[in-house]
Amino acid sequence: CLRYKKPEDIPYELIGELASKLTPQQWI
């Protein structure tokens, strides 16, 4: 998990980039 205290602190683009680096099968 990643924990943020405020929604405005979340780097959404970076998290999206992180999610794109693994395929669902790799995660499984």
PDB file of all heavy atoms in Angstrom:
ATOM      1  N   CYS A   1       0.830  -1.212   0.000  1.00  0.00           N
ATOM      2  CA  CYS A   1       0.000   0.000   0.000  1.00  0.00           C
ATOM      3  C   CYS A   1       0.859   1.254   0.000  1.00  0.00           C
ATOM      4  O   CYS A   1       2.016   1.249   0.400  1.00  0.00           O
ATOM      5  CB  CYS A   1      -0.938   0.006   1.195  1.00  0.00           C
ATOM      6  SG  CYS A   1      -0.079   0.078   2.774  1.00  0.00           S
ATOM      7  N   LEU A   2       0.244   2.323  -0.475  1.00  0.00           N
ATOM      8  CA  LEU A   2       0.816   3.656  -0.407  1.00  0.00           C
ATOM      9  C   LEU A   2      -0.150   4.478   0.435  1.00  0.00           C
ATOM     10  O   LEU A   2      -1.357   4.449   0.184  1.00  0.00           O
ATOM     11  CB  LEU A   2       0.931   4.272  -1.803  1.00  0.00           C
ATOM     12  CG  LEU A   2       1.794   3.506  -2.794  1.00  0.00           C
ATOM     13  CD1 LEU A   2       1.608   4.064  -4.190  1.00  0.00           C
ATOM     14  CD2 LEU A   2       3.244   3.594  -2.381  1.00  0.00           C
ATOM     15  N   ARG A   3       0.365   5.199   1.425  1.00  0.00           N
ATOM     16  CA  ARG A   3      -0.518   5.957   2.308  1.00  0.00           C
ATOM     17  C   ARG A   3      -0.288   7.452   2.121  1.00  0.00           C
ATOM     18  O   ARG A   3       0.847   7.923   2.164  1.00  0.00           O
ATOM     19  CB  ARG A   3      -0.268   5.555   3.755  1.00  0.00           C
ATOM     20  CG  ARG A   3      -0.666   4.113   4.047  1.00  0.00           C
ATOM     21  CD  ARG A   3      -0.379   3.725   5.479  1.00  0.00           C
ATOM     22  NE  ARG A   3       1.025   3.493   5.749  1.00  0.00           N
ATOM     23  CZ  ARG A   3       1.656   2.331   5.579  1.00  0.00           C
ATOM     24  NH1 ARG A   3       0.991   1.292   5.117  1.00  0.00           N
ATOM     25  NH2 ARG A   3       2.928   2.208   5.877  1.00  0.00           N
ATOM     26  N   TYR A   4      -1.395   8.169   1.920  1.00  0.00           N
ATOM     27  CA  TYR A   4      -1.367   9.623   1.802  1.00  0.00           C
ATOM     28  C   TYR A   4      -2.414  10.195   2.744  1.00  0.00           C
ATOM     29  O   TYR A   4      -3.505   9.650   2.867  1.00  0.00           O
ATOM     30  CB  TYR A   4      -1.673  10.059   0.358  1.00  0.00           C
ATOM     31  CG  TYR A   4      -0.607   9.621  -0.615  1.00  0.00           C
ATOM     32  CD1 TYR A   4      -0.727   8.443  -1.328  1.00  0.00           C
ATOM     33  CD2 TYR A   4       0.541  10.384  -0.787  1.00  0.00           C
ATOM     34  CE1 TYR A   4       0.262   8.030  -2.204  1.00  0.00           C
ATOM     35  CE2 TYR A   4       1.538   9.984  -1.662  1.00  0.00           C
ATOM     36  CZ  TYR A   4       1.387   8.802  -2.368  1.00  0.00           C
ATOM     37  OH  TYR A   4       2.375   8.400  -3.230  1.00  0.00           O
ATOM     38  N   LYS A   5      -2.082  11.304   3.388  1.00  0.00           N
ATOM     39  CA  LYS A   5      -3.012  11.917   4.341  1.00  0.00           C
ATOM     40  C   LYS A   5      -4.059  12.766   3.645  1.00  0.00           C
ATOM     41  O   LYS A   5      -5.178  12.884   4.115  1.00  0.00           O
ATOM     42  CB  LYS A   5      -2.248  12.752   5.366  1.00  0.00           C
ATOM     43  CG  LYS A   5      -1.381  11.876   6.247  1.00  0.00           C
ATOM     44  CD  LYS A   5      -0.708  12.653   7.327  1.00  0.00           C
ATOM     45  CE  LYS A   5       0.218  11.691   8.060  1.00  0.00           C
ATOM     46  NZ  LYS A   5       0.250  11.816   9.447  1.00  0.00           N
ATOM     47  N   LYS A   6      -3.689  13.376   2.514  1.00  0.00           N
ATOM     48  CA  LYS A   6      -4.617  14.246   1.796  1.00  0.00           C
ATOM     49  C   LYS A   6      -4.658  13.853   0.322  1.00  0.00           C
ATOM     50  O   LYS A   6      -3.610  13.543  -0.269  1.00  0.00           O
ATOM     51  CB  LYS A   6      -4.151  15.702   1.889  1.00  0.00           C
ATOM     52  CG  LYS A   6      -4.102  16.248   3.291  1.00  0.00           C
ATOM     53  CD  LYS A   6      -3.570  17.657   3.280  1.00  0.00           C
ATOM     54  CE  LYS A   6      -3.402  18.171   4.698  1.00  0.00           C
ATOM     55  NZ  LYS A   6      -2.758  19.490   4.698  1.00  0.00           N
ATOM     56  N   PRO A   7      -5.827  13.886  -0.288  1.00  0.00           N
ATOM     57  CA  PRO A   7      -5.933  13.527  -1.713  1.00  0.00           C
ATOM     58  C   PRO A   7      -5.040  14.390  -2.616  1.00  0.00           C
ATOM     59  O   PRO A   7      -4.511  13.899  -3.603  1.00  0.00           O
ATOM     60  CB  PRO A   7      -7.406  13.748  -2.044  1.00  0.00           C
ATOM     61  CG  PRO A   7      -8.111  13.673  -0.740  1.00  0.00           C
ATOM     62  CD  PRO A   7      -7.137  14.172   0.290  1.00  0.00           C
ATOM     63  N   GLU A   8      -4.856  15.650  -2.250  1.00  0.00           N
ATOM     64  CA  GLU A   8      -4.029  16.519  -3.095  1.00  0.00           C
ATOM     65  C   GLU A   8      -2.539  16.156  -3.038  1.00  0.00           C
ATOM     66  O   GLU A   8      -1.748  16.620  -3.853  1.00  0.00           O
ATOM     67  CB  GLU A   8      -4.234  17.998  -2.757  1.00  0.00           C
ATOM     68  CG  GLU A   8      -3.973  18.366  -1.328  1.00  0.00           C
ATOM     69  CD  GLU A   8      -5.205  18.284  -0.419  1.00  0.00           C
ATOM     70  OE1 GLU A   8      -6.234  17.707  -0.795  1.00  0.00           O
ATOM     71  OE2 GLU A   8      -5.110  18.822   0.687  1.00  0.00           O
ATOM     72  N   ASP A   9      -2.144  15.305  -2.111  1.00  0.00           N
ATOM     73  CA  ASP A   9      -0.754  14.858  -2.011  1.00  0.00           C
ATOM     74  C   ASP A   9      -0.451  13.669  -2.929  1.00  0.00           C
ATOM     75  O   ASP A   9       0.710  13.302  -3.104  1.00  0.00           O
ATOM     76  CB  ASP A   9      -0.423  14.429  -0.569  1.00  0.00           C
ATOM     77  CG  ASP A   9      -0.446  15.585   0.409  1.00  0.00           C
ATOM     78  OD1 ASP A   9      -0.369  16.752  -0.037  1.00  0.00           O
ATOM     79  OD2 ASP A   9      -0.539  15.315   1.613  1.00  0.00           O
ATOM     80  N   ILE A  10      -1.468  13.069  -3.503  1.00  0.00           N
ATOM     81  CA  ILE A  10      -1.293  11.848  -4.302  1.00  0.00           C
ATOM     82  C   ILE A  10      -0.765  12.197  -5.699  1.00  0.00           C
ATOM     83  O   ILE A  10      -1.400  12.958  -6.423  1.00  0.00           O
ATOM     84  CB  ILE A  10      -2.620  11.079  -4.429  1.00  0.00           C
ATOM     85  CG1 ILE A  10      -3.147  10.706  -3.044  1.00  0.00           C
ATOM     86  CG2 ILE A  10      -2.431   9.832  -5.300  1.00  0.00           C
ATOM     87  CD1 ILE A  10      -4.541  10.132  -3.044  1.00  0.00           C
ATOM     88  N   PRO A  11       0.379  11.642  -6.099  1.00  0.00           N
ATOM     89  CA  PRO A  11       0.899  11.865  -7.458  1.00  0.00           C
ATOM     90  C   PRO A  11       0.248  10.875  -8.435  1.00  0.00           C
ATOM     91  O   PRO A  11       0.814   9.832  -8.770  1.00  0.00           O
ATOM     92  CB  PRO A  11       2.404  11.629  -7.304  1.00  0.00           C
ATOM     93  CG  PRO A  11       2.501  10.635  -6.192  1.00  0.00           C
ATOM     94  CD  PRO A  11       1.345  10.937  -5.272  1.00  0.00           C
ATOM     95  N   TYR A  12      -0.954  11.206  -8.872  1.00  0.00           N
ATOM     96  CA  TYR A  12      -1.748  10.282  -9.692  1.00  0.00           C
ATOM     97  C   TYR A  12      -1.020   9.830 -10.959  1.00  0.00           C
ATOM     98  O   TYR A  12      -1.085   8.658 -11.330  1.00  0.00           O
ATOM     99  CB  TYR A  12      -3.093  10.909 -10.066  1.00  0.00           C
ATOM    100  CG  TYR A  12      -4.021  11.054  -8.893  1.00  0.00           C
ATOM    101  CD1 TYR A  12      -4.215  12.292  -8.289  1.00  0.00           C
ATOM    102  CD2 TYR A  12      -4.689   9.956  -8.376  1.00  0.00           C
ATOM    103  CE1 TYR A  12      -5.058  12.427  -7.195  1.00  0.00           C
ATOM    104  CE2 TYR A  12      -5.532  10.078  -7.289  1.00  0.00           C
ATOM    105  CZ  TYR A  12      -5.719  11.325  -6.707  1.00  0.00           C
ATOM    106  OH  TYR A  12      -6.547  11.448  -5.628  1.00  0.00           O
ATOM    107  N   GLU A  13      -0.341  10.751 -11.636  1.00  0.00           N
ATOM    108  CA  GLU A  13       0.358  10.379 -12.870  1.00  0.00           C
ATOM    109  C   GLU A  13       1.460   9.359 -12.589  1.00  0.00           C
ATOM    110  O   GLU A  13       1.649   8.413 -13.352  1.00  0.00           O
ATOM    111  CB  GLU A  13       0.935  11.610 -13.552  1.00  0.00           C
ATOM    112  CG  GLU A  13      -0.131  12.485 -14.176  1.00  0.00           C
ATOM    113  CD  GLU A  13       0.449  13.673 -14.929  1.00  0.00           C
ATOM    114  OE1 GLU A  13       1.633  13.612 -15.327  1.00  0.00           O
ATOM    115  OE2 GLU A  13      -0.284  14.642 -15.119  1.00  0.00           O
ATOM    116  N   LEU A  14       2.175   9.534 -11.497  1.00  0.00           N
ATOM    117  CA  LEU A  14       3.234   8.612 -11.137  1.00  0.00           C
ATOM    118  C   LEU A  14       2.670   7.229 -10.800  1.00  0.00           C
ATOM    119  O   LEU A  14       3.214   6.210 -11.222  1.00  0.00           O
ATOM    120  CB  LEU A  14       4.037   9.149  -9.951  1.00  0.00           C
ATOM    121  CG  LEU A  14       5.186   8.269  -9.471  1.00  0.00           C
ATOM    122  CD1 LEU A  14       6.213   8.061 -10.576  1.00  0.00           C
ATOM    123  CD2 LEU A  14       5.829   8.868  -8.243  1.00  0.00           C
ATOM    124  N   ILE A  15       1.568   7.197 -10.093  1.00  0.00           N
ATOM    125  CA  ILE A  15       0.945   5.914  -9.757  1.00  0.00           C
ATOM    126  C   ILE A  15       0.427   5.229 -11.022  1.00  0.00           C
ATOM    127  O   ILE A  15       0.529   4.019 -11.170  1.00  0.00           O
ATOM    128  CB  ILE A  15      -0.154   6.102  -8.696  1.00  0.00           C
ATOM    129  CG1 ILE A  15       0.521   6.520  -7.384  1.00  0.00           C
ATOM    130  CG2 ILE A  15      -0.969   4.828  -8.513  1.00  0.00           C
ATOM    131  CD1 ILE A  15      -0.414   6.910  -6.282  1.00  0.00           C
ATOM    132  N   GLY A  16      -0.088   6.018 -11.954  1.00  0.00           N
ATOM    133  CA  GLY A  16      -0.508   5.464 -13.243  1.00  0.00           C
ATOM    134  C   GLY A  16       0.662   4.872 -14.007  1.00  0.00           C
ATOM    135  O   GLY A  16       0.550   3.798 -14.607  1.00  0.00           O
ATOM    136  N   GLU A  17       1.792   5.559 -13.973  1.00  0.00           N
ATOM    137  CA  GLU A  17       2.988   5.045 -14.634  1.00  0.00           C
ATOM    138  C   GLU A  17       3.451   3.748 -13.975  1.00  0.00           C
ATOM    139  O   GLU A  17       3.836   2.795 -14.651  1.00  0.00           O
ATOM    140  CB  GLU A  17       4.103   6.089 -14.589  1.00  0.00           C
ATOM    141  CG  GLU A  17       5.310   5.724 -15.395  1.00  0.00           C
ATOM    142  CD  GLU A  17       6.374   6.806 -15.416  1.00  0.00           C
ATOM    143  OE1 GLU A  17       6.098   7.949 -15.019  1.00  0.00           O
ATOM    144  OE2 GLU A  17       7.502   6.489 -15.836  1.00  0.00           O
ATOM    145  N   LEU A  18       3.393   3.706 -12.657  1.00  0.00           N
ATOM    146  CA  LEU A  18       3.754   2.489 -11.926  1.00  0.00           C
ATOM    147  C   LEU A  18       2.858   1.325 -12.339  1.00  0.00           C
ATOM    148  O   LEU A  18       3.339   0.227 -12.617  1.00  0.00           O
ATOM    149  CB  LEU A  18       3.642   2.724 -10.420  1.00  0.00           C
ATOM    150  CG  LEU A  18       3.844   1.513  -9.514  1.00  0.00           C
ATOM    151  CD1 LEU A  18       5.261   0.973  -9.653  1.00  0.00           C
ATOM    152  CD2 LEU A  18       3.545   1.878  -8.064  1.00  0.00           C
ATOM    153  N   ALA A  19       1.558   1.576 -12.420  1.00  0.00           N
ATOM    154  CA  ALA A  19       0.607   0.519 -12.792  1.00  0.00           C
ATOM    155  C   ALA A  19       0.862   0.021 -14.219  1.00  0.00           C
ATOM    156  O   ALA A  19       0.652  -1.159 -14.509  1.00  0.00           O
ATOM    157  CB  ALA A  19      -0.818   1.024 -12.658  1.00  0.00           C
ATOM    158  N   SER A  20       1.347   0.891 -15.081  1.00  0.00           N
ATOM    159  CA  SER A  20       1.578   0.488 -16.473  1.00  0.00           C
ATOM    160  C   SER A  20       2.860  -0.327 -16.641  1.00  0.00           C
ATOM    161  O   SER A  20       3.095  -0.904 -17.694  1.00  0.00           O
ATOM    162  CB  SER A  20       1.626   1.716 -17.382  1.00  0.00           C
ATOM    163  OG  SER A  20       2.819   2.453 -17.158  1.00  0.00           O
ATOM    164  N   LYS A  21       3.687  -0.387 -15.624  1.00  0.00           N
ATOM    165  CA  LYS A  21       4.952  -1.115 -15.721  1.00  0.00           C
ATOM    166  C   LYS A  21       4.814  -2.613 -15.476  1.00  0.00           C
ATOM    167  O   LYS A  21       5.754  -3.359 -15.724  1.00  0.00           O
ATOM    168  CB  LYS A  21       5.982  -0.524 -14.762  1.00  0.00           C
ATOM    169  CG  LYS A  21       6.461   0.863 -15.196  1.00  0.00           C
ATOM    170  CD  LYS A  21       7.570   1.352 -14.329  1.00  0.00           C
ATOM    171  CE  LYS A  21       8.111   2.666 -14.821  1.00  0.00           C
ATOM    172  NZ  LYS A  21       8.983   2.536 -15.988  1.00  0.00           N
ATOM    173  N   LEU A  22       3.668  -3.051 -14.987  1.00  0.00           N
ATOM    174  CA  LEU A  22       3.413  -4.474 -14.760  1.00  0.00           C
ATOM    175  C   LEU A  22       2.142  -4.892 -15.478  1.00  0.00           C
ATOM    176  O   LEU A  22       1.134  -4.200 -15.398  1.00  0.00           O
ATOM    177  CB  LEU A  22       3.194  -4.762 -13.269  1.00  0.00           C
ATOM    178  CG  LEU A  22       4.382  -4.938 -12.364  1.00  0.00           C
ATOM    179  CD1 LEU A  22       3.918  -5.190 -10.946  1.00  0.00           C
ATOM    180  CD2 LEU A  22       5.272  -6.059 -12.812  1.00  0.00           C
ATOM    181  N   THR A  23       2.190  -6.032 -16.137  1.00  0.00           N
ATOM    182  CA  THR A  23       0.964  -6.565 -16.718  1.00  0.00           C
ATOM    183  C   THR A  23       0.187  -7.269 -15.609  1.00  0.00           C
ATOM    184  O   THR A  23       0.772  -7.642 -14.581  1.00  0.00           O
ATOM    185  CB  THR A  23       1.270  -7.591 -17.831  1.00  0.00           C
ATOM    186  OG1 THR A  23       1.899  -8.730 -17.237  1.00  0.00           O
ATOM    187  CG2 THR A  23       2.137  -7.002 -18.920  1.00  0.00           C
ATOM    188  N   PRO A  24      -1.117  -7.469 -15.786  1.00  0.00           N
ATOM    189  CA  PRO A  24      -1.866  -8.214 -14.770  1.00  0.00           C
ATOM    190  C   PRO A  24      -1.262  -9.597 -14.504  1.00  0.00           C
ATOM    191  O   PRO A  24      -1.187 -10.028 -13.360  1.00  0.00           O
ATOM    192  CB  PRO A  24      -3.275  -8.321 -15.371  1.00  0.00           C
ATOM    193  CG  PRO A  24      -3.386  -7.110 -16.232  1.00  0.00           C
ATOM    194  CD  PRO A  24      -2.005  -6.922 -16.803  1.00  0.00           C
ATOM    195  N   GLN A  25      -0.786 -10.271 -15.546  1.00  0.00           N
ATOM    196  CA  GLN A  25      -0.207 -11.598 -15.351  1.00  0.00           C
ATOM    197  C   GLN A  25       1.082 -11.535 -14.528  1.00  0.00           C
ATOM    198  O   GLN A  25       1.320 -12.376 -13.671  1.00  0.00           O
ATOM    199  CB  GLN A  25       0.064 -12.285 -16.690  1.00  0.00           C
ATOM    200  CG  GLN A  25       0.488 -13.740 -16.523  1.00  0.00           C
ATOM    201  CD  GLN A  25      -0.549 -14.575 -15.750  1.00  0.00           C
ATOM    202  OE1 GLN A  25      -1.713 -14.616 -16.115  1.00  0.00           O
ATOM    203  NE2 GLN A  25      -0.118 -15.230 -14.687  1.00  0.00           N
ATOM    204  N   GLN A  26       1.896 -10.512 -14.756  1.00  0.00           N
ATOM    205  CA  GLN A  26       3.116 -10.354 -13.957  1.00  0.00           C
ATOM    206  C   GLN A  26       2.758 -10.143 -12.485  1.00  0.00           C
ATOM    207  O   GLN A  26       3.408 -10.690 -11.594  1.00  0.00           O
ATOM    208  CB  GLN A  26       3.945  -9.167 -14.449  1.00  0.00           C
ATOM    209  CG  GLN A  26       4.641  -9.408 -15.766  1.00  0.00           C
ATOM    210  CD  GLN A  26       5.267  -8.148 -16.305  1.00  0.00           C
ATOM    211  OE1 GLN A  26       4.663  -7.077 -16.305  1.00  0.00           O
ATOM    212  NE2 GLN A  26       6.496  -8.264 -16.785  1.00  0.00           N
ATOM    213  N   TRP A  27       1.737  -9.320 -12.233  1.00  0.00           N
ATOM    214  CA  TRP A  27       1.307  -9.070 -10.856  1.00  0.00           C
ATOM    215  C   TRP A  27       0.818 -10.369 -10.196  1.00  0.00           C
ATOM    216  O   TRP A  27       1.156 -10.668  -9.056  1.00  0.00           O
ATOM    217  CB  TRP A  27       0.215  -8.009 -10.815  1.00  0.00           C
ATOM    218  CG  TRP A  27      -0.302  -7.793  -9.435  1.00  0.00           C
ATOM    219  CD1 TRP A  27      -1.512  -8.161  -8.944  1.00  0.00           C
ATOM    220  CD2 TRP A  27       0.395  -7.202  -8.336  1.00  0.00           C
ATOM    221  NE1 TRP A  27      -1.604  -7.827  -7.616  1.00  0.00           N
ATOM    222  CE2 TRP A  27      -0.456  -7.237  -7.211  1.00  0.00           C
ATOM    223  CE3 TRP A  27       1.657  -6.647  -8.192  1.00  0.00           C
ATOM    224  CZ2 TRP A  27      -0.083  -6.735  -5.972  1.00  0.00           C
ATOM    225  CZ3 TRP A  27       2.020  -6.138  -6.959  1.00  0.00           C
ATOM    226  CH2 TRP A  27       1.150  -6.195  -5.869  1.00  0.00           C
ATOM    227  N   ILE A  28       0.039 -11.144 -10.927  1.00  0.00           N
ATOM    228  CA  ILE A  28      -0.464 -12.420 -10.406  1.00  0.00           C
ATOM    229  C   ILE A  28       0.709 -13.352 -10.096  1.00  0.00           C
ATOM    230  O   ILE A  28       0.728 -14.004  -9.048  1.00  0.00           O
ATOM    231  CB  ILE A  28      -1.444 -13.066 -11.406  1.00  0.00           C
ATOM    232  CG1 ILE A  28      -2.735 -12.245 -11.464  1.00  0.00           C
ATOM    233  CG2 ILE A  28      -1.736 -14.518 -11.032  1.00  0.00           C
ATOM    234  CD1 ILE A  28      -3.650 -12.608 -12.617  1.00  0.00           C
TER     235      ILE A  28
END
